Amino acid sequence: MQNLVTEPNLFMSMFKSFFILCLVLLFFFLILLFIKKINNYKFNSNDIIKILLVHHISHREKLIIVDIAGKKILIGVTSQSINKICEIEDEDIESLNLKGNGKKNFFDNILLKAIRKKS
């Protein structure tokens, strides 16, 4: 009787290992996509609060126009606090939207109008 011992094929072993690695990575990628979709769905279902415009002043400071239940509010955000600056009227936004030809000009015009009203 002959002793039939077969050597494992190195190429096939490497191919199987690579294939299994690709399957595991694909599985993790699909799980991450699923989690992202679930989180976005829950976050976007809230129609009460919307961020309309963000203007970064510096690395940690920004001005944000937020729509909360139909009211437009300008807030200042820093790393240590959030402050309400003023409320913005709908007609101000509509009139400036027609004049403004970019986000920066639009935001600057809204801010100037809000400051003028406040003082």
N, C-alpha and C. Protein backbone atom coordinates (compact mmCIF):
# COMPACT_ATOMS: atom_id res chain seq x y z
N MET A 1 0.82 -1.15 0.00
CA MET A 1 0.00 0.00 0.00
C MET A 1 0.89 1.24 0.00
N GLN A 2 0.51 2.13 -0.82
CA GLN A 2 1.29 3.35 -0.94
C GLN A 2 0.80 4.39 0.05
N ASN A 3 1.73 5.13 0.52
CA ASN A 3 1.40 6.20 1.44
C ASN A 3 1.12 7.46 0.62
N LEU A 4 -0.15 7.83 0.54
CA LEU A 4 -0.54 8.99 -0.24
C LEU A 4 -0.72 10.19 0.69
N VAL A 5 0.29 10.95 0.77
CA VAL A 5 0.24 12.17 1.56
C VAL A 5 0.32 13.32 0.59
N THR A 6 -0.69 14.15 0.61
CA THR A 6 -0.69 15.27 -0.33
C THR A 6 -0.23 16.52 0.41
N GLU A 7 0.58 17.24 -0.24
CA GLU A 7 1.04 18.53 0.29
C GLU A 7 -0.07 19.56 0.10
N PRO A 8 -0.32 20.39 1.10
CA PRO A 8 -1.33 21.41 0.90
C PRO A 8 -0.83 22.45 -0.10
N ASN A 9 -1.73 22.84 -0.94
CA ASN A 9 -1.38 23.80 -1.97
C ASN A 9 -1.30 25.18 -1.31
N LEU A 10 -0.15 25.79 -1.38
CA LEU A 10 0.09 27.08 -0.73
C LEU A 10 -0.76 28.18 -1.36
N PHE A 11 -0.88 28.14 -2.66
CA PHE A 11 -1.68 29.14 -3.35
C PHE A 11 -3.14 29.08 -2.94
N MET A 12 -3.70 27.90 -2.86
CA MET A 12 -5.10 27.75 -2.47
C MET A 12 -5.33 28.18 -1.03
N SER A 13 -4.40 27.91 -0.16
CA SER A 13 -4.52 28.33 1.24
C SER A 13 -4.51 29.84 1.35
N MET A 14 -3.63 30.50 0.62
CA MET A 14 -3.58 31.95 0.64
C MET A 14 -4.84 32.54 0.03
N PHE A 15 -5.33 31.94 -1.03
CA PHE A 15 -6.55 32.42 -1.67
C PHE A 15 -7.74 32.31 -0.73
N LYS A 16 -7.86 31.18 -0.03
CA LYS A 16 -8.96 31.00 0.91
C LYS A 16 -8.87 32.02 2.05
N SER A 17 -7.69 32.23 2.56
CA SER A 17 -7.51 33.20 3.65
C SER A 17 -7.87 34.60 3.19
N PHE A 18 -7.43 34.98 2.01
CA PHE A 18 -7.74 36.30 1.47
C PHE A 18 -9.23 36.46 1.23
N PHE A 19 -9.87 35.43 0.72
CA PHE A 19 -11.31 35.46 0.46
C PHE A 19 -12.10 35.63 1.77
N ILE A 20 -11.72 34.90 2.79
CA ILE A 20 -12.40 35.00 4.09
C ILE A 20 -12.17 36.38 4.70
N LEU A 21 -10.98 36.92 4.56
CA LEU A 21 -10.70 38.26 5.05
C LEU A 21 -11.59 39.29 4.35
N CYS A 22 -11.73 39.16 3.04
CA CYS A 22 -12.60 40.07 2.29
C CYS A 22 -14.05 39.94 2.73
N LEU A 23 -14.52 38.76 2.99
CA LEU A 23 -15.88 38.56 3.47
C LEU A 23 -16.10 39.20 4.84
N VAL A 24 -15.14 39.05 5.73
CA VAL A 24 -15.26 39.65 7.06
C VAL A 24 -15.28 41.17 6.96
N LEU A 25 -14.40 41.74 6.14
CA LEU A 25 -14.37 43.20 5.96
C LEU A 25 -15.66 43.70 5.33
N LEU A 26 -16.19 42.99 4.37
CA LEU A 26 -17.46 43.36 3.76
C LEU A 26 -18.59 43.31 4.79
N PHE A 27 -18.57 42.31 5.62
CA PHE A 27 -19.58 42.19 6.67
C PHE A 27 -19.54 43.39 7.62
N PHE A 28 -18.35 43.79 8.07
CA PHE A 28 -18.21 44.96 8.94
C PHE A 28 -18.65 46.23 8.23
N PHE A 29 -18.30 46.37 6.97
CA PHE A 29 -18.70 47.55 6.20
C PHE A 29 -20.22 47.64 6.09
N LEU A 30 -20.88 46.53 5.84
CA LEU A 30 -22.35 46.53 5.74
C LEU A 30 -22.99 46.85 7.09
N ILE A 31 -22.41 46.36 8.17
CA ILE A 31 -22.93 46.68 9.50
C ILE A 31 -22.81 48.18 9.76
N LEU A 32 -21.66 48.78 9.42
CA LEU A 32 -21.47 50.22 9.62
C LEU A 32 -22.46 51.03 8.78
N LEU A 33 -22.70 50.62 7.55
CA LEU A 33 -23.69 51.32 6.72
C LEU A 33 -25.08 51.23 7.32
N PHE A 34 -25.41 50.08 7.85
CA PHE A 34 -26.72 49.89 8.47
C PHE A 34 -26.88 50.78 9.70
N ILE A 35 -25.85 50.84 10.53
CA ILE A 35 -25.89 51.69 11.73
C ILE A 35 -26.01 53.15 11.34
N LYS A 36 -25.27 53.56 10.32
CA LYS A 36 -25.33 54.95 9.87
C LYS A 36 -26.72 55.30 9.36
N LYS A 37 -27.33 54.39 8.63
CA LYS A 37 -28.67 54.64 8.10
C LYS A 37 -29.69 54.74 9.22
N ILE A 38 -29.58 53.91 10.23
CA ILE A 38 -30.50 53.96 11.38
C ILE A 38 -30.34 55.28 12.12
N ASN A 39 -29.10 55.71 12.36
CA ASN A 39 -28.86 56.97 13.09
C ASN A 39 -29.35 58.17 12.30
N ASN A 40 -29.12 58.20 11.00
CA ASN A 40 -29.59 59.32 10.19
C ASN A 40 -31.11 59.36 10.14
N TYR A 41 -31.73 58.21 10.10
CA TYR A 41 -33.18 58.18 10.06
C TYR A 41 -33.77 58.78 11.33
N LYS A 42 -33.23 58.42 12.48
CA LYS A 42 -33.74 58.95 13.74
C LYS A 42 -33.47 60.44 13.85
N PHE A 43 -32.30 60.89 13.42
CA PHE A 43 -31.94 62.30 13.54
C PHE A 43 -32.76 63.17 12.60
N ASN A 44 -32.98 62.72 11.38
CA ASN A 44 -33.69 63.53 10.40
C ASN A 44 -35.20 63.53 10.61
N SER A 45 -35.70 62.68 11.47
CA SER A 45 -37.14 62.64 11.68
C SER A 45 -37.63 63.80 12.55
N ASN A 46 -36.70 64.55 13.16
CA ASN A 46 -37.05 65.67 14.01
C ASN A 46 -37.16 66.93 13.16
N ASP A 47 -38.40 67.40 12.92
CA ASP A 47 -38.61 68.58 12.09
C ASP A 47 -38.79 69.85 12.91
N ILE A 48 -38.66 69.78 14.22
CA ILE A 48 -38.86 70.95 15.06
C ILE A 48 -37.65 71.86 15.02
N ILE A 49 -36.45 71.30 15.02
CA ILE A 49 -35.22 72.10 15.03
C ILE A 49 -34.44 71.84 13.76
N LYS A 50 -34.12 72.93 13.03
CA LYS A 50 -33.33 72.83 11.80
C LYS A 50 -32.22 73.86 11.84
N ILE A 51 -31.03 73.47 11.44
CA ILE A 51 -29.93 74.41 11.30
C ILE A 51 -29.97 74.94 9.87
N LEU A 52 -30.18 76.26 9.75
CA LEU A 52 -30.32 76.86 8.43
C LEU A 52 -28.98 77.28 7.85
N LEU A 53 -28.13 77.89 8.67
CA LEU A 53 -26.88 78.44 8.16
C LEU A 53 -25.85 78.47 9.28
N VAL A 54 -24.60 78.15 8.96
CA VAL A 54 -23.50 78.18 9.92
C VAL A 54 -22.39 79.05 9.34
N HIS A 55 -21.89 79.96 10.16
CA HIS A 55 -20.78 80.83 9.75
C HIS A 55 -19.68 80.68 10.79
N HIS A 56 -18.53 80.11 10.39
CA HIS A 56 -17.42 79.90 11.32
C HIS A 56 -16.63 81.19 11.48
N ILE A 57 -16.47 81.61 12.71
CA ILE A 57 -15.69 82.81 13.01
C ILE A 57 -14.24 82.41 13.25
N SER A 58 -14.04 81.37 14.00
CA SER A 58 -12.70 80.83 14.24
C SER A 58 -12.83 79.32 14.40
N HIS A 59 -11.74 78.73 14.85
CA HIS A 59 -11.71 77.27 14.99
C HIS A 59 -12.79 76.75 15.94
N ARG A 60 -13.04 77.47 17.02
CA ARG A 60 -13.98 77.00 18.03
C ARG A 60 -15.22 77.88 18.17
N GLU A 61 -15.36 78.88 17.34
CA GLU A 61 -16.48 79.81 17.47
C GLU A 61 -17.23 79.91 16.16
N LYS A 62 -18.55 79.97 16.26
CA LYS A 62 -19.37 80.09 15.05
C LYS A 62 -20.70 80.75 15.38
N LEU A 63 -21.30 81.29 14.35
CA LEU A 63 -22.65 81.85 14.43
C LEU A 63 -23.57 80.91 13.65
N ILE A 64 -24.73 80.63 14.22
CA ILE A 64 -25.65 79.68 13.60
C ILE A 64 -27.05 80.29 13.57
N ILE A 65 -27.70 80.16 12.43
CA ILE A 65 -29.11 80.53 12.32
C ILE A 65 -29.91 79.23 12.41
N VAL A 66 -30.77 79.16 13.43
CA VAL A 66 -31.53 77.95 13.72
C VAL A 66 -33.01 78.26 13.58
N ASP A 67 -33.75 77.33 12.99
CA ASP A 67 -35.20 77.42 12.92
C ASP A 67 -35.77 76.48 13.97
N ILE A 68 -36.39 77.07 15.00
CA ILE A 68 -36.98 76.28 16.07
C ILE A 68 -38.48 76.54 16.06
N ALA A 69 -39.23 75.56 15.62
CA ALA A 69 -40.69 75.64 15.57
C ALA A 69 -41.16 76.89 14.84
N GLY A 70 -40.50 77.21 13.74
CA GLY A 70 -40.91 78.34 12.91
C GLY A 70 -40.25 79.66 13.24
N LYS A 71 -39.54 79.76 14.36
CA LYS A 71 -38.82 80.98 14.72
C LYS A 71 -37.37 80.86 14.29
N LYS A 72 -36.86 81.90 13.63
CA LYS A 72 -35.46 81.93 13.24
C LYS A 72 -34.68 82.65 14.32
N ILE A 73 -33.65 81.98 14.85
CA ILE A 73 -32.88 82.53 15.96
C ILE A 73 -31.40 82.49 15.58
N LEU A 74 -30.70 83.60 15.83
CA LEU A 74 -29.26 83.68 15.63
C LEU A 74 -28.60 83.39 16.96
N ILE A 75 -27.74 82.36 16.99
CA ILE A 75 -27.04 82.00 18.22
C ILE A 75 -25.54 82.01 17.98
N GLY A 76 -24.82 82.31 19.03
CA GLY A 76 -23.36 82.25 19.02
C GLY A 76 -22.91 81.03 19.79
N VAL A 77 -22.00 80.26 19.20
CA VAL A 77 -21.55 79.02 19.82
C VAL A 77 -20.04 79.08 19.99
N THR A 78 -19.58 78.87 21.22
CA THR A 78 -18.16 78.75 21.51
C THR A 78 -17.93 77.38 22.15
N SER A 79 -16.69 77.12 22.50
CA SER A 79 -16.41 75.82 23.13
C SER A 79 -16.96 75.75 24.55
N GLN A 80 -17.29 76.92 25.15
CA GLN A 80 -17.75 76.91 26.52
C GLN A 80 -19.19 77.37 26.71
N SER A 81 -19.81 77.98 25.68
CA SER A 81 -21.16 78.46 25.88
C SER A 81 -21.92 78.57 24.56
N ILE A 82 -23.24 78.67 24.70
CA ILE A 82 -24.14 78.93 23.58
C ILE A 82 -25.03 80.09 24.01
N ASN A 83 -25.05 81.16 23.20
CA ASN A 83 -25.80 82.36 23.55
C ASN A 83 -26.76 82.74 22.43
N LYS A 84 -27.97 83.11 22.82
CA LYS A 84 -28.92 83.65 21.85
C LYS A 84 -28.57 85.10 21.59
N ILE A 85 -28.38 85.44 20.31
CA ILE A 85 -28.04 86.82 19.97
C ILE A 85 -29.30 87.60 19.65
N CYS A 86 -30.14 87.08 18.76
CA CYS A 86 -31.38 87.77 18.43
C CYS A 86 -32.30 86.83 17.65
N GLU A 87 -33.54 87.26 17.48
CA GLU A 87 -34.48 86.56 16.62
C GLU A 87 -34.53 87.28 15.27
N ILE A 88 -34.70 86.52 14.22
CA ILE A 88 -34.71 87.08 12.86
C ILE A 88 -36.10 86.87 12.28
N GLU A 89 -36.63 87.91 11.69
CA GLU A 89 -37.96 87.85 11.09
C GLU A 89 -37.90 87.16 9.74
N ASP A 90 -39.00 86.50 9.37
CA ASP A 90 -39.07 85.79 8.09
C ASP A 90 -38.92 86.73 6.90
N GLU A 91 -39.52 87.92 6.99
CA GLU A 91 -39.44 88.85 5.86
C GLU A 91 -38.02 89.35 5.65
N ASP A 92 -37.22 89.43 6.73
CA ASP A 92 -35.81 89.81 6.58
C ASP A 92 -35.05 88.77 5.78
N ILE A 93 -35.30 87.52 6.07
CA ILE A 93 -34.61 86.44 5.36
C ILE A 93 -35.05 86.40 3.91
N GLU A 94 -36.35 86.57 3.65
CA GLU A 94 -36.84 86.53 2.27
C GLU A 94 -36.28 87.69 1.45
N SER A 95 -36.24 88.89 2.02
CA SER A 95 -35.72 90.04 1.27
C SER A 95 -34.22 89.90 1.03
N LEU A 96 -33.50 89.38 1.99
CA LEU A 96 -32.05 89.21 1.82
C LEU A 96 -31.72 88.04 0.91
N ASN A 97 -32.59 87.05 0.89
CA ASN A 97 -32.36 85.89 0.03
C ASN A 97 -32.37 86.30 -1.43
N LEU A 98 -33.19 87.26 -1.80
CA LEU A 98 -33.23 87.72 -3.18
C LEU A 98 -32.00 88.55 -3.53
N LYS A 99 -31.47 89.30 -2.56
CA LYS A 99 -30.31 90.15 -2.82
C LYS A 99 -29.00 89.40 -2.73
N GLY A 100 -28.90 88.48 -1.77
CA GLY A 100 -27.63 87.80 -1.52
C GLY A 100 -27.25 86.87 -2.65
N ASN A 101 -25.98 86.90 -3.04
CA ASN A 101 -25.52 86.02 -4.11
C ASN A 101 -24.52 85.01 -3.59
N GLY A 102 -24.55 84.72 -2.33
CA GLY A 102 -23.67 83.71 -1.76
C GLY A 102 -23.96 83.58 -0.28
N LYS A 103 -23.48 82.48 0.32
CA LYS A 103 -23.75 82.26 1.73
C LYS A 103 -23.13 83.34 2.61
N LYS A 104 -21.92 83.76 2.30
CA LYS A 104 -21.24 84.75 3.13
C LYS A 104 -21.99 86.08 3.08
N ASN A 105 -22.33 86.56 1.89
CA ASN A 105 -23.08 87.82 1.78
C ASN A 105 -24.44 87.71 2.45
N PHE A 106 -25.09 86.59 2.28
CA PHE A 106 -26.40 86.37 2.87
C PHE A 106 -26.32 86.45 4.39
N PHE A 107 -25.34 85.77 4.96
CA PHE A 107 -25.18 85.76 6.41
C PHE A 107 -24.79 87.14 6.93
N ASP A 108 -23.90 87.81 6.23
CA ASP A 108 -23.50 89.16 6.64
C ASP A 108 -24.69 90.11 6.64
N ASN A 109 -25.51 90.05 5.62
CA ASN A 109 -26.69 90.93 5.54
C ASN A 109 -27.68 90.66 6.66
N ILE A 110 -27.92 89.39 6.96
CA ILE A 110 -28.84 89.04 8.05
C ILE A 110 -28.29 89.55 9.38
N LEU A 111 -27.00 89.36 9.61
CA LEU A 111 -26.39 89.80 10.86
C LEU A 111 -26.48 91.32 10.99
N LEU A 112 -26.19 92.05 9.94
CA LEU A 112 -26.27 93.51 9.99
C LEU A 112 -27.69 94.00 10.26
N LYS A 113 -28.66 93.39 9.61
CA LYS A 113 -30.05 93.77 9.82
C LYS A 113 -30.49 93.47 11.26
N ALA A 114 -30.06 92.34 11.79
CA ALA A 114 -30.43 91.98 13.16
C ALA A 114 -29.79 92.93 14.16
N ILE A 115 -28.56 93.33 13.93
CA ILE A 115 -27.89 94.27 14.85
C ILE A 115 -28.56 95.64 14.79
N ARG A 116 -28.92 96.08 13.60
CA ARG A 116 -29.60 97.37 13.46
C ARG A 116 -30.94 97.38 14.21
N LYS A 117 -31.68 96.27 14.12
CA LYS A 117 -32.97 96.19 14.80
C LYS A 117 -32.79 96.21 16.32
N LYS A 118 -31.73 95.54 16.77
CA LYS A 118 -31.52 95.42 18.21
C LYS A 118 -31.13 96.75 18.83
N SER A 119 -30.38 97.59 18.09
CA SER A 119 -29.92 98.86 18.68
C SER A 119 -30.80 100.03 18.33
